Amino acid sequence: MPATDSPKYWFPGKRYGWGWGPPTAWQGWVVVVACVALVLGGIPLVHVRMGSVVYNAYVAVLTVALLVLCWLTGENPRWRSGKRDA
């Protein structure tokens, strides 16, 4: 297996705009699927039992956790205008 100088990002930078695009590694897909499953699973478990305010806080915590994981395992976020770095 050849060695590469560039690190393998779970979440690459978006081509246009600021932030991250879809995952390029299986670990990133596991994170995204787990986050979606927790948000959807929280509807009957959190929203129905405890109400909208608690559910919104639950989703906010999951969103912050996803952003932290993107920040730690993805490219540095910056504004991109469609041109790939050479």
N, C-alpha and C. Protein backbone atom coordinates (compact mmCIF):
# COMPACT_ATOMS: atom_id res chain seq x y z
N MET A 1 0.85 -1.18 0.00
CA MET A 1 0.00 0.00 0.00
C MET A 1 0.89 1.24 0.00
N PRO A 2 0.69 2.15 -0.95
CA PRO A 2 1.55 3.33 -1.00
C PRO A 2 1.22 4.30 0.12
N ALA A 3 2.26 4.93 0.61
CA ALA A 3 2.07 5.94 1.66
C ALA A 3 1.64 7.26 1.02
N THR A 4 0.72 7.93 1.67
CA THR A 4 0.28 9.23 1.17
C THR A 4 0.62 10.30 2.19
N ASP A 5 0.91 11.49 1.67
CA ASP A 5 1.25 12.59 2.55
C ASP A 5 0.02 13.28 3.11
N SER A 6 -1.10 13.22 2.39
CA SER A 6 -2.30 13.91 2.85
C SER A 6 -3.11 13.00 3.78
N PRO A 7 -3.63 13.56 4.85
CA PRO A 7 -4.42 12.76 5.78
C PRO A 7 -5.76 12.37 5.17
N LYS A 8 -6.33 11.27 5.64
CA LYS A 8 -7.65 10.81 5.17
C LYS A 8 -8.71 11.46 6.05
N TYR A 9 -9.46 12.36 5.46
CA TYR A 9 -10.52 13.06 6.19
C TYR A 9 -11.81 12.26 6.13
N TRP A 10 -12.54 12.23 7.23
CA TRP A 10 -13.86 11.61 7.23
C TRP A 10 -14.84 12.53 6.51
N PHE A 11 -14.67 13.84 6.71
CA PHE A 11 -15.57 14.83 6.13
C PHE A 11 -14.74 15.85 5.36
N PRO A 12 -14.73 15.77 4.01
CA PRO A 12 -13.96 16.75 3.23
C PRO A 12 -14.69 18.10 3.19
N GLY A 13 -13.95 19.12 2.85
CA GLY A 13 -14.56 20.44 2.70
C GLY A 13 -15.50 20.48 1.52
N LYS A 14 -16.53 21.29 1.63
CA LYS A 14 -17.47 21.47 0.52
C LYS A 14 -16.75 22.14 -0.64
N ARG A 15 -17.21 21.88 -1.84
CA ARG A 15 -16.61 22.51 -3.01
C ARG A 15 -17.00 23.99 -3.11
N TYR A 16 -18.25 24.30 -2.73
CA TYR A 16 -18.74 25.67 -2.74
C TYR A 16 -19.25 26.01 -1.35
N GLY A 17 -18.89 27.18 -0.86
CA GLY A 17 -19.38 27.62 0.45
C GLY A 17 -18.45 27.24 1.59
N TRP A 18 -19.03 27.24 2.80
CA TRP A 18 -18.26 26.99 4.01
C TRP A 18 -18.77 25.73 4.66
N GLY A 19 -17.89 24.90 5.15
CA GLY A 19 -18.30 23.71 5.88
C GLY A 19 -17.80 22.43 5.25
N TRP A 20 -18.52 21.34 5.53
CA TRP A 20 -18.10 20.02 5.09
C TRP A 20 -19.14 19.40 4.18
N GLY A 21 -18.65 18.55 3.30
CA GLY A 21 -19.53 17.82 2.39
C GLY A 21 -19.85 16.45 2.95
N PRO A 22 -20.42 15.59 2.12
CA PRO A 22 -20.74 14.23 2.56
C PRO A 22 -19.46 13.47 2.94
N PRO A 23 -19.58 12.51 3.84
CA PRO A 23 -18.40 11.74 4.27
C PRO A 23 -17.75 10.99 3.11
N THR A 24 -16.44 10.82 3.22
CA THR A 24 -15.70 10.03 2.23
C THR A 24 -15.11 8.78 2.85
N ALA A 25 -15.25 8.60 4.14
CA ALA A 25 -14.75 7.41 4.84
C ALA A 25 -15.92 6.71 5.51
N TRP A 26 -15.77 5.41 5.71
CA TRP A 26 -16.86 4.65 6.33
C TRP A 26 -17.14 5.16 7.74
N GLN A 27 -16.11 5.63 8.44
CA GLN A 27 -16.32 6.14 9.79
C GLN A 27 -17.25 7.36 9.79
N GLY A 28 -17.09 8.21 8.79
CA GLY A 28 -17.96 9.37 8.68
C GLY A 28 -19.41 8.97 8.42
N TRP A 29 -19.60 7.95 7.58
CA TRP A 29 -20.96 7.47 7.32
C TRP A 29 -21.58 6.88 8.57
N VAL A 30 -20.79 6.18 9.38
CA VAL A 30 -21.30 5.63 10.64
C VAL A 30 -21.76 6.76 11.55
N VAL A 31 -20.99 7.84 11.62
CA VAL A 31 -21.35 8.99 12.45
C VAL A 31 -22.64 9.62 11.97
N VAL A 32 -22.78 9.82 10.66
CA VAL A 32 -23.98 10.45 10.12
C VAL A 32 -25.21 9.57 10.33
N VAL A 33 -25.09 8.27 10.05
CA VAL A 33 -26.22 7.36 10.24
C VAL A 33 -26.61 7.28 11.72
N ALA A 34 -25.62 7.24 12.61
CA ALA A 34 -25.92 7.20 14.04
C ALA A 34 -26.62 8.48 14.48
N CYS A 35 -26.19 9.62 13.98
CA CYS A 35 -26.82 10.89 14.34
C CYS A 35 -28.27 10.93 13.87
N VAL A 36 -28.51 10.52 12.63
CA VAL A 36 -29.88 10.51 12.11
C VAL A 36 -30.74 9.52 12.91
N ALA A 37 -30.19 8.35 13.23
CA ALA A 37 -30.94 7.36 14.01
C ALA A 37 -31.28 7.90 15.40
N LEU A 38 -30.35 8.61 16.02
CA LEU A 38 -30.62 9.17 17.34
C LEU A 38 -31.66 10.28 17.29
N VAL A 39 -31.62 11.10 16.25
CA VAL A 39 -32.63 12.16 16.11
C VAL A 39 -34.01 11.54 15.90
N LEU A 40 -34.11 10.59 14.98
CA LEU A 40 -35.40 9.96 14.71
C LEU A 40 -35.86 9.09 15.88
N GLY A 41 -34.93 8.39 16.51
CA GLY A 41 -35.29 7.58 17.68
C GLY A 41 -35.70 8.42 18.87
N GLY A 42 -35.27 9.66 18.89
CA GLY A 42 -35.64 10.55 19.98
C GLY A 42 -37.07 11.04 19.90
N ILE A 43 -37.69 10.89 18.75
CA ILE A 43 -39.08 11.34 18.63
C ILE A 43 -39.99 10.57 19.59
N PRO A 44 -40.02 9.23 19.51
CA PRO A 44 -40.89 8.53 20.46
C PRO A 44 -40.31 8.46 21.88
N LEU A 45 -39.00 8.48 22.00
CA LEU A 45 -38.40 8.30 23.32
C LEU A 45 -38.26 9.60 24.12
N VAL A 46 -38.00 10.69 23.44
CA VAL A 46 -37.78 11.96 24.14
C VAL A 46 -38.96 12.91 23.93
N HIS A 47 -39.31 13.15 22.68
CA HIS A 47 -40.34 14.14 22.37
C HIS A 47 -41.69 13.76 22.97
N VAL A 48 -42.12 12.54 22.76
CA VAL A 48 -43.44 12.12 23.23
C VAL A 48 -43.50 12.10 24.76
N ARG A 49 -42.43 11.65 25.39
CA ARG A 49 -42.43 11.51 26.86
C ARG A 49 -42.16 12.82 27.59
N MET A 50 -41.28 13.67 27.03
CA MET A 50 -40.82 14.83 27.78
C MET A 50 -41.17 16.17 27.15
N GLY A 51 -41.64 16.18 25.91
CA GLY A 51 -42.08 17.42 25.30
C GLY A 51 -41.09 18.00 24.30
N SER A 52 -41.56 19.05 23.65
CA SER A 52 -40.81 19.68 22.57
C SER A 52 -39.54 20.38 23.04
N VAL A 53 -39.59 21.03 24.19
CA VAL A 53 -38.42 21.78 24.66
C VAL A 53 -37.26 20.83 24.94
N VAL A 54 -37.53 19.73 25.60
CA VAL A 54 -36.47 18.76 25.90
C VAL A 54 -35.96 18.13 24.61
N TYR A 55 -36.87 17.82 23.68
CA TYR A 55 -36.46 17.23 22.41
C TYR A 55 -35.58 18.20 21.61
N ASN A 56 -35.95 19.47 21.60
CA ASN A 56 -35.13 20.47 20.90
C ASN A 56 -33.75 20.57 21.52
N ALA A 57 -33.65 20.51 22.83
CA ALA A 57 -32.34 20.52 23.50
C ALA A 57 -31.55 19.26 23.15
N TYR A 58 -32.22 18.12 23.09
CA TYR A 58 -31.60 16.85 22.71
C TYR A 58 -31.02 16.93 21.29
N VAL A 59 -31.80 17.47 20.36
CA VAL A 59 -31.33 17.61 18.98
C VAL A 59 -30.18 18.62 18.90
N ALA A 60 -30.24 19.68 19.69
CA ALA A 60 -29.16 20.67 19.71
C ALA A 60 -27.86 20.03 20.20
N VAL A 61 -27.93 19.21 21.23
CA VAL A 61 -26.73 18.52 21.73
C VAL A 61 -26.17 17.58 20.67
N LEU A 62 -27.03 16.84 19.99
CA LEU A 62 -26.57 15.96 18.91
C LEU A 62 -25.93 16.75 17.77
N THR A 63 -26.50 17.89 17.44
CA THR A 63 -25.96 18.73 16.37
C THR A 63 -24.58 19.26 16.74
N VAL A 64 -24.42 19.71 17.97
CA VAL A 64 -23.11 20.19 18.43
C VAL A 64 -22.10 19.06 18.40
N ALA A 65 -22.51 17.86 18.83
CA ALA A 65 -21.60 16.71 18.80
C ALA A 65 -21.18 16.38 17.37
N LEU A 66 -22.12 16.45 16.43
CA LEU A 66 -21.78 16.19 15.03
C LEU A 66 -20.82 17.25 14.49
N LEU A 67 -21.06 18.51 14.82
CA LEU A 67 -20.16 19.57 14.37
C LEU A 67 -18.75 19.41 14.95
N VAL A 68 -18.66 19.02 16.21
CA VAL A 68 -17.34 18.79 16.83
C VAL A 68 -16.62 17.65 16.12
N LEU A 69 -17.34 16.56 15.84
CA LEU A 69 -16.72 15.44 15.12
C LEU A 69 -16.28 15.85 13.71
N CYS A 70 -17.09 16.64 13.04
CA CYS A 70 -16.70 17.14 11.71
C CYS A 70 -15.45 18.00 11.81
N TRP A 71 -15.40 18.84 12.82
CA TRP A 71 -14.25 19.74 13.01
C TRP A 71 -12.98 18.93 13.28
N LEU A 72 -13.10 17.89 14.11
CA LEU A 72 -11.92 17.10 14.49
C LEU A 72 -11.45 16.15 13.40
N THR A 73 -12.37 15.62 12.59
CA THR A 73 -12.01 14.59 11.62
C THR A 73 -12.12 15.05 10.17
N GLY A 74 -12.45 16.32 9.96
CA GLY A 74 -12.61 16.82 8.60
C GLY A 74 -11.56 17.87 8.25
N GLU A 75 -11.63 18.30 7.00
CA GLU A 75 -10.75 19.38 6.56
C GLU A 75 -11.08 20.65 7.33
N ASN A 76 -10.11 21.54 7.39
CA ASN A 76 -10.37 22.82 8.04
C ASN A 76 -11.44 23.57 7.24
N PRO A 77 -12.50 24.01 7.92
CA PRO A 77 -13.55 24.71 7.18
C PRO A 77 -13.08 26.10 6.75
N ARG A 78 -13.39 26.43 5.54
CA ARG A 78 -13.08 27.77 5.01
C ARG A 78 -13.98 27.98 3.81
N TRP A 79 -14.07 29.21 3.37
CA TRP A 79 -14.90 29.53 2.22
C TRP A 79 -14.24 29.00 0.96
N ARG A 80 -15.00 28.27 0.16
CA ARG A 80 -14.50 27.73 -1.10
C ARG A 80 -15.39 28.21 -2.24
N SER A 81 -14.75 28.46 -3.39
CA SER A 81 -15.51 28.98 -4.54
C SER A 81 -15.51 28.02 -5.71
N GLY A 82 -15.24 26.74 -5.49
CA GLY A 82 -15.34 25.75 -6.55
C GLY A 82 -14.02 25.28 -7.11
N LYS A 83 -12.96 25.99 -6.85
CA LYS A 83 -11.66 25.59 -7.37
C LYS A 83 -10.99 24.65 -6.37
N ARG A 84 -10.47 23.54 -6.86
CA ARG A 84 -9.76 22.59 -6.01
C ARG A 84 -8.33 23.07 -5.81
N ASP A 85 -7.81 22.85 -4.59
CA ASP A 85 -6.42 23.21 -4.30
C ASP A 85 -5.51 22.28 -5.09
N ALA A 86 -4.44 22.83 -5.58
CA ALA A 86 -3.48 22.03 -6.35
C ALA A 86 -2.40 21.48 -5.46
